[in-house]
Structure formats: structure tokens, C-alpha cells
Amino acid sequence: MRDDNYEAGLHELQLAKDEAEAAAEDFDKNYWPFQTDEIAAQYGELQFTAVMMLAEFEQFAQQGSIKPAR
């Protein structure tokens, strides 16, 4: 059961990470060069979210690679 919960959580984090990364890339394509500081700040927030999701995904993935001794 633990493996099922881990796999489901890993899948959800993977999707969130991918969506955050895609949103940052799309924003960059649509608004580059940035015309205002506000747009640049919004892009920075999207990049930050993508980086945080990647870190959370990698940390969660590592937890699943360590199997407890039986």
C-alpha cells in the first residue's frame, strides 16, 4: 500500500513540476523581451515555482528509493 501511495504522490509532483516548467517557458515565449518590471517579476515568480517543484519532486523521489530493512 505504501508503494501505491508513493507512486501516486510521485506522479502528482511530476505533473505539477512539468506544469510549472511549461508555464514559465510559455510566459517567456509570449512576453520576451519583458516590457515592464511587473512582467519580469511575474516571470521570476514562475521560475521560482518551477525550481521549488523540481526540488520537491527530487526530494520525494529520493525518499522512495530508500527501502526500509525488513
PDB file of N, CA and C in Angstrom:
ATOM      1  N   MET A   1       0.821  -1.192   0.000  1.00  0.00           N
ATOM      2  CA  MET A   1       0.000   0.000   0.000  1.00  0.00           C
ATOM      3  C   MET A   1       0.868   1.261   0.000  1.00  0.00           C
ATOM      4  N   ARG A   2       1.986   1.204   0.755  1.00  0.00           N
ATOM      5  CA  ARG A   2       2.862   2.357   0.822  1.00  0.00           C
ATOM      6  C   ARG A   2       3.396   2.690  -0.566  1.00  0.00           C
ATOM      7  N   ASP A   3       3.751   1.655  -1.332  1.00  0.00           N
ATOM      8  CA  ASP A   3       4.276   1.882  -2.683  1.00  0.00           C
ATOM      9  C   ASP A   3       3.240   2.545  -3.579  1.00  0.00           C
ATOM     10  N   ASP A   4       1.961   2.169  -3.436  1.00  0.00           N
ATOM     11  CA  ASP A   4       0.903   2.789  -4.230  1.00  0.00           C
ATOM     12  C   ASP A   4       0.772   4.270  -3.901  1.00  0.00           C
ATOM     13  N   ASN A   5       0.816   4.592  -2.603  1.00  0.00           N
ATOM     14  CA  ASN A   5       0.734   5.995  -2.190  1.00  0.00           C
ATOM     15  C   ASN A   5       1.945   6.773  -2.674  1.00  0.00           C
ATOM     16  N   TYR A   6       3.113   6.157  -2.603  1.00  0.00           N
ATOM     17  CA  TYR A   6       4.337   6.808  -3.065  1.00  0.00           C
ATOM     18  C   TYR A   6       4.250   7.088  -4.564  1.00  0.00           C
ATOM     19  N   GLU A   7       3.851   6.084  -5.327  1.00  0.00           N
ATOM     20  CA  GLU A   7       3.754   6.242  -6.785  1.00  0.00           C
ATOM     21  C   GLU A   7       2.746   7.324  -7.155  1.00  0.00           C
ATOM     22  N   ALA A   8       1.617   7.362  -6.466  1.00  0.00           N
ATOM     23  CA  ALA A   8       0.600   8.376  -6.742  1.00  0.00           C
ATOM     24  C   ALA A   8       1.136   9.769  -6.409  1.00  0.00           C
ATOM     25  N   GLY A   9       1.795   9.903  -5.274  1.00  0.00           N
ATOM     26  CA  GLY A   9       2.383  11.185  -4.891  1.00  0.00           C
ATOM     27  C   GLY A   9       3.469  11.619  -5.851  1.00  0.00           C
ATOM     28  N   LEU A  10       4.286  10.677  -6.264  1.00  0.00           N
ATOM     29  CA  LEU A  10       5.356  10.976  -7.221  1.00  0.00           C
ATOM     30  C   LEU A  10       4.779  11.445  -8.548  1.00  0.00           C
ATOM     31  N   HIS A  11       3.719  10.791  -8.988  1.00  0.00           N
ATOM     32  CA  HIS A  11       3.072  11.166 -10.242  1.00  0.00           C
ATOM     33  C   HIS A  11       2.478  12.577 -10.151  1.00  0.00           C
ATOM     34  N   GLU A  12       1.824  12.884  -9.036  1.00  0.00           N
ATOM     35  CA  GLU A  12       1.236  14.220  -8.859  1.00  0.00           C
ATOM     36  C   GLU A  12       2.315  15.298  -8.847  1.00  0.00           C
ATOM     37  N   LEU A  13       3.413  15.033  -8.166  1.00  0.00           N
ATOM     38  CA  LEU A  13       4.508  16.006  -8.133  1.00  0.00           C
ATOM     39  C   LEU A  13       5.137  16.168  -9.513  1.00  0.00           C
ATOM     40  N   GLN A  14       5.262  15.076 -10.253  1.00  0.00           N
ATOM     41  CA  GLN A  14       5.814  15.144 -11.604  1.00  0.00           C
ATOM     42  C   GLN A  14       4.942  16.039 -12.480  1.00  0.00           C
ATOM     43  N   LEU A  15       3.636  15.866 -12.391  1.00  0.00           N
ATOM     44  CA  LEU A  15       2.716  16.696 -13.172  1.00  0.00           C
ATOM     45  C   LEU A  15       2.823  18.165 -12.780  1.00  0.00           C
ATOM     46  N   ALA A  16       2.865  18.443 -11.487  1.00  0.00           N
ATOM     47  CA  ALA A  16       2.963  19.827 -11.015  1.00  0.00           C
ATOM     48  C   ALA A  16       4.276  20.455 -11.464  1.00  0.00           C
ATOM     49  N   LYS A  17       5.353  19.699 -11.377  1.00  0.00           N
ATOM     50  CA  LYS A  17       6.664  20.186 -11.816  1.00  0.00           C
ATOM     51  C   LYS A  17       6.639  20.501 -13.302  1.00  0.00           C
ATOM     52  N   ASP A  18       6.107  19.598 -14.088  1.00  0.00           N
ATOM     53  CA  ASP A  18       6.049  19.798 -15.534  1.00  0.00           C
ATOM     54  C   ASP A  18       5.176  20.997 -15.905  1.00  0.00           C
ATOM     55  N   GLU A  19       4.051  21.148 -15.216  1.00  0.00           N
ATOM     56  CA  GLU A  19       3.163  22.278 -15.489  1.00  0.00           C
ATOM     57  C   GLU A  19       3.819  23.610 -15.129  1.00  0.00           C
ATOM     58  N   ALA A  20       4.525  23.648 -14.015  1.00  0.00           N
ATOM     59  CA  ALA A  20       5.206  24.878 -13.612  1.00  0.00           C
ATOM     60  C   ALA A  20       6.309  25.230 -14.613  1.00  0.00           C
ATOM     61  N   GLU A  21       7.034  24.237 -15.054  1.00  0.00           N
ATOM     62  CA  GLU A  21       8.094  24.464 -16.040  1.00  0.00           C
ATOM     63  C   GLU A  21       7.511  24.947 -17.370  1.00  0.00           C
ATOM     64  N   ALA A  22       6.443  24.320 -17.806  1.00  0.00           N
ATOM     65  CA  ALA A  22       5.805  24.716 -19.068  1.00  0.00           C
ATOM     66  C   ALA A  22       5.236  26.129 -18.981  1.00  0.00           C
ATOM     67  N   ALA A  23       4.659  26.484 -17.833  1.00  0.00           N
ATOM     68  CA  ALA A  23       4.099  27.831 -17.658  1.00  0.00           C
ATOM     69  C   ALA A  23       5.198  28.880 -17.742  1.00  0.00           C
ATOM     70  N   ALA A  24       6.341  28.620 -17.134  1.00  0.00           N
ATOM     71  CA  ALA A  24       7.456  29.572 -17.190  1.00  0.00           C
ATOM     72  C   ALA A  24       7.970  29.709 -18.619  1.00  0.00           C
ATOM     73  N   GLU A  25       8.076  28.596 -19.334  1.00  0.00           N
ATOM     74  CA  GLU A  25       8.545  28.648 -20.720  1.00  0.00           C
ATOM     75  C   GLU A  25       7.555  29.396 -21.615  1.00  0.00           C
ATOM     76  N   ASP A  26       6.267  29.115 -21.455  1.00  0.00           N
ATOM     77  CA  ASP A  26       5.246  29.804 -22.248  1.00  0.00           C
ATOM     78  C   ASP A  26       5.244  31.304 -21.971  1.00  0.00           C
ATOM     79  N   PHE A  27       5.369  31.658 -20.712  1.00  0.00           N
ATOM     80  CA  PHE A  27       5.394  33.070 -20.327  1.00  0.00           C
ATOM     81  C   PHE A  27       6.572  33.767 -20.995  1.00  0.00           C
ATOM     82  N   ASP A  28       7.715  33.111 -20.971  1.00  0.00           N
ATOM     83  CA  ASP A  28       8.914  33.666 -21.594  1.00  0.00           C
ATOM     84  C   ASP A  28       8.707  33.868 -23.095  1.00  0.00           C
ATOM     85  N   LYS A  29       8.140  32.885 -23.757  1.00  0.00           N
ATOM     86  CA  LYS A  29       7.902  32.982 -25.205  1.00  0.00           C
ATOM     87  C   LYS A  29       6.925  34.106 -25.555  1.00  0.00           C
ATOM     88  N   ASN A  30       5.887  34.268 -24.728  1.00  0.00           N
ATOM     89  CA  ASN A  30       4.836  35.244 -25.020  1.00  0.00           C
ATOM     90  C   ASN A  30       5.212  36.675 -24.680  1.00  0.00           C
ATOM     91  N   TYR A  31       6.089  36.864 -23.703  1.00  0.00           N
ATOM     92  CA  TYR A  31       6.344  38.225 -23.219  1.00  0.00           C
ATOM     93  C   TYR A  31       7.782  38.704 -23.387  1.00  0.00           C
ATOM     94  N   TRP A  32       8.666  37.893 -23.959  1.00  0.00           N
ATOM     95  CA  TRP A  32      10.052  38.324 -24.139  1.00  0.00           C
ATOM     96  C   TRP A  32      10.153  39.244 -25.334  1.00  0.00           C
ATOM     97  N   PRO A  33      10.842  40.328 -25.334  1.00  0.00           N
ATOM     98  CA  PRO A  33      11.513  40.901 -24.163  1.00  0.00           C
ATOM     99  C   PRO A  33      10.488  41.527 -23.228  1.00  0.00           C
ATOM    100  N   PHE A  34      10.742  41.431 -21.952  1.00  0.00           N
ATOM    101  CA  PHE A  34       9.817  41.947 -20.955  1.00  0.00           C
ATOM    102  C   PHE A  34       9.733  43.461 -21.042  1.00  0.00           C
ATOM    103  N   GLN A  35       8.526  43.953 -21.164  1.00  0.00           N
ATOM    104  CA  GLN A  35       8.293  45.382 -21.346  1.00  0.00           C
ATOM    105  C   GLN A  35       8.221  46.152 -20.033  1.00  0.00           C
ATOM    106  N   THR A  36       7.854  45.470 -18.956  1.00  0.00           N
ATOM    107  CA  THR A  36       7.709  46.162 -17.673  1.00  0.00           C
ATOM    108  C   THR A  36       8.362  45.345 -16.564  1.00  0.00           C
ATOM    109  N   ASP A  37       8.634  46.022 -15.466  1.00  0.00           N
ATOM    110  CA  ASP A  37       9.187  45.328 -14.304  1.00  0.00           C
ATOM    111  C   ASP A  37       8.173  44.331 -13.736  1.00  0.00           C
ATOM    112  N   GLU A  38       6.888  44.664 -13.864  1.00  0.00           N
ATOM    113  CA  GLU A  38       5.846  43.769 -13.356  1.00  0.00           C
ATOM    114  C   GLU A  38       5.868  42.433 -14.108  1.00  0.00           C
ATOM    115  N   ILE A  39       6.016  42.484 -15.408  1.00  0.00           N
ATOM    116  CA  ILE A  39       6.075  41.252 -16.201  1.00  0.00           C
ATOM    117  C   ILE A  39       7.334  40.464 -15.837  1.00  0.00           C
ATOM    118  N   ALA A  40       8.443  41.157 -15.671  1.00  0.00           N
ATOM    119  CA  ALA A  40       9.687  40.480 -15.281  1.00  0.00           C
ATOM    120  C   ALA A  40       9.521  39.818 -13.912  1.00  0.00           C
ATOM    121  N   ALA A  41       8.841  40.481 -12.987  1.00  0.00           N
ATOM    122  CA  ALA A  41       8.606  39.917 -11.655  1.00  0.00           C
ATOM    123  C   ALA A  41       7.708  38.684 -11.736  1.00  0.00           C
ATOM    124  N   GLN A  42       6.698  38.734 -12.585  1.00  0.00           N
ATOM    125  CA  GLN A  42       5.804  37.579 -12.748  1.00  0.00           C
ATOM    126  C   GLN A  42       6.590  36.389 -13.286  1.00  0.00           C
ATOM    127  N   TYR A  43       7.472  36.636 -14.226  1.00  0.00           N
ATOM    128  CA  TYR A  43       8.300  35.562 -14.775  1.00  0.00           C
ATOM    129  C   TYR A  43       9.199  34.992 -13.686  1.00  0.00           C
ATOM    130  N   GLY A  44       9.771  35.862 -12.877  1.00  0.00           N
ATOM    131  CA  GLY A  44      10.612  35.400 -11.772  1.00  0.00           C
ATOM    132  C   GLY A  44       9.851  34.505 -10.819  1.00  0.00           C
ATOM    133  N   GLU A  45       8.604  34.856 -10.540  1.00  0.00           N
ATOM    134  CA  GLU A  45       7.770  34.030  -9.665  1.00  0.00           C
ATOM    135  C   GLU A  45       7.498  32.666 -10.303  1.00  0.00           C
ATOM    136  N   LEU A  46       7.241  32.643 -11.594  1.00  0.00           N
ATOM    137  CA  LEU A  46       7.014  31.370 -12.276  1.00  0.00           C
ATOM    138  C   LEU A  46       8.270  30.510 -12.252  1.00  0.00           C
ATOM    139  N   GLN A  47       9.421  31.122 -12.487  1.00  0.00           N
ATOM    140  CA  GLN A  47      10.676  30.373 -12.432  1.00  0.00           C
ATOM    141  C   GLN A  47      10.896  29.811 -11.033  1.00  0.00           C
ATOM    142  N   PHE A  48      10.656  30.625 -10.015  1.00  0.00           N
ATOM    143  CA  PHE A  48      10.829  30.185  -8.634  1.00  0.00           C
ATOM    144  C   PHE A  48       9.928  28.987  -8.338  1.00  0.00           C
ATOM    145  N   THR A  49       8.672  29.061  -8.770  1.00  0.00           N
ATOM    146  CA  THR A  49       7.741  27.955  -8.551  1.00  0.00           C
ATOM    147  C   THR A  49       8.238  26.690  -9.236  1.00  0.00           C
ATOM    148  N   ALA A  50       8.733  26.822 -10.461  1.00  0.00           N
ATOM    149  CA  ALA A  50       9.242  25.658 -11.184  1.00  0.00           C
ATOM    150  C   ALA A  50      10.440  25.050 -10.458  1.00  0.00           C
ATOM    151  N   VAL A  51      11.342  25.878  -9.971  1.00  0.00           N
ATOM    152  CA  VAL A  51      12.522  25.383  -9.248  1.00  0.00           C
ATOM    153  C   VAL A  51      12.101  24.691  -7.949  1.00  0.00           C
ATOM    154  N   MET A  52      11.150  25.269  -7.241  1.00  0.00           N
ATOM    155  CA  MET A  52      10.684  24.669  -5.991  1.00  0.00           C
ATOM    156  C   MET A  52       9.998  23.328  -6.247  1.00  0.00           C
ATOM    157  N   MET A  53       9.209  23.254  -7.304  1.00  0.00           N
ATOM    158  CA  MET A  53       8.539  21.993  -7.634  1.00  0.00           C
ATOM    159  C   MET A  53       9.566  20.930  -8.013  1.00  0.00           C
ATOM    160  N   LEU A  54      10.605  21.309  -8.732  1.00  0.00           N
ATOM    161  CA  LEU A  54      11.658  20.358  -9.086  1.00  0.00           C
ATOM    162  C   LEU A  54      12.352  19.845  -7.825  1.00  0.00           C
ATOM    163  N   ALA A  55      12.683  20.742  -6.908  1.00  0.00           N
ATOM    164  CA  ALA A  55      13.346  20.337  -5.669  1.00  0.00           C
ATOM    165  C   ALA A  55      12.455  19.412  -4.850  1.00  0.00           C
ATOM    166  N   GLU A  56      11.178  19.744  -4.757  1.00  0.00           N
ATOM    167  CA  GLU A  56      10.244  18.907  -4.005  1.00  0.00           C
ATOM    168  C   GLU A  56      10.100  17.540  -4.664  1.00  0.00           C
ATOM    169  N   PHE A  57      10.021  17.524  -5.972  1.00  0.00           N
ATOM    170  CA  PHE A  57       9.916  16.259  -6.709  1.00  0.00           C
ATOM    171  C   PHE A  57      11.146  15.399  -6.466  1.00  0.00           C
ATOM    172  N   GLU A  58      12.336  15.986  -6.585  1.00  0.00           N
ATOM    173  CA  GLU A  58      13.565  15.221  -6.408  1.00  0.00           C
ATOM    174  C   GLU A  58      13.689  14.688  -4.981  1.00  0.00           C
ATOM    175  N   GLN A  59      13.315  15.503  -3.996  1.00  0.00           N
ATOM    176  CA  GLN A  59      13.378  15.058  -2.608  1.00  0.00           C
ATOM    177  C   GLN A  59      12.412  13.900  -2.382  1.00  0.00           C
ATOM    178  N   PHE A  60      11.212  14.021  -2.888  1.00  0.00           N
ATOM    179  CA  PHE A  60      10.206  12.971  -2.730  1.00  0.00           C
ATOM    180  C   PHE A  60      10.664  11.700  -3.439  1.00  0.00           C
ATOM    181  N   ALA A  61      11.245  11.845  -4.629  1.00  0.00           N
ATOM    182  CA  ALA A  61      11.704  10.681  -5.391  1.00  0.00           C
ATOM    183  C   ALA A  61      12.816   9.958  -4.650  1.00  0.00           C
ATOM    184  N   GLN A  62      13.702  10.692  -4.003  1.00  0.00           N
ATOM    185  CA  GLN A  62      14.792  10.072  -3.248  1.00  0.00           C
ATOM    186  C   GLN A  62      14.266   9.289  -2.061  1.00  0.00           C
ATOM    187  N   GLN A  63      13.229   9.774  -1.426  1.00  0.00           N
ATOM    188  CA  GLN A  63      12.664   9.073  -0.276  1.00  0.00           C
ATOM    189  C   GLN A  63      12.160   7.691  -0.673  1.00  0.00           C
ATOM    190  N   GLY A  64      11.655   7.563  -1.871  1.00  0.00           N
ATOM    191  CA  GLY A  64      11.122   6.293  -2.327  1.00  0.00           C
ATOM    192  C   GLY A  64      12.205   5.325  -2.755  1.00  0.00           C
ATOM    193  N   SER A  65      13.402   5.824  -3.030  1.00  0.00           N
ATOM    194  CA  SER A  65      14.472   4.951  -3.472  1.00  0.00           C
ATOM    195  C   SER A  65      15.151   4.263  -2.298  1.00  0.00           C
ATOM    196  N   ILE A  66      14.871   4.710  -1.071  1.00  0.00           N
ATOM    197  CA  ILE A  66      15.439   4.099   0.121  1.00  0.00           C
ATOM    198  C   ILE A  66      14.396   3.167   0.715  1.00  0.00           C
ATOM    199  N   LYS A  67      14.594   1.899   0.551  1.00  0.00           N
ATOM    200  CA  LYS A  67      13.630   0.916   1.042  1.00  0.00           C
ATOM    201  C   LYS A  67      13.999   0.541   2.471  1.00  0.00           C
ATOM    202  N   PRO A  68      13.037   0.516   3.381  1.00  0.00           N
ATOM    203  CA  PRO A  68      13.334   0.134   4.758  1.00  0.00           C
ATOM    204  C   PRO A  68      13.701  -1.342   4.858  1.00  0.00           C
ATOM    205  N   ALA A  69      14.610  -1.656   5.786  1.00  0.00           N
ATOM    206  CA  ALA A  69      15.012  -3.062   6.015  1.00  0.00           C
ATOM    207  C   ALA A  69      13.857  -3.815   6.650  1.00  0.00           C
ATOM    208  N   ARG A  70      13.709  -5.062   6.250  1.00  0.00           N
ATOM    209  CA  ARG A  70      12.607  -5.870   6.813  1.00  0.00           C
ATOM    210  C   ARG A  70      13.108  -6.845   7.788  1.00  0.00           C
TER     211      ARG A  70
END
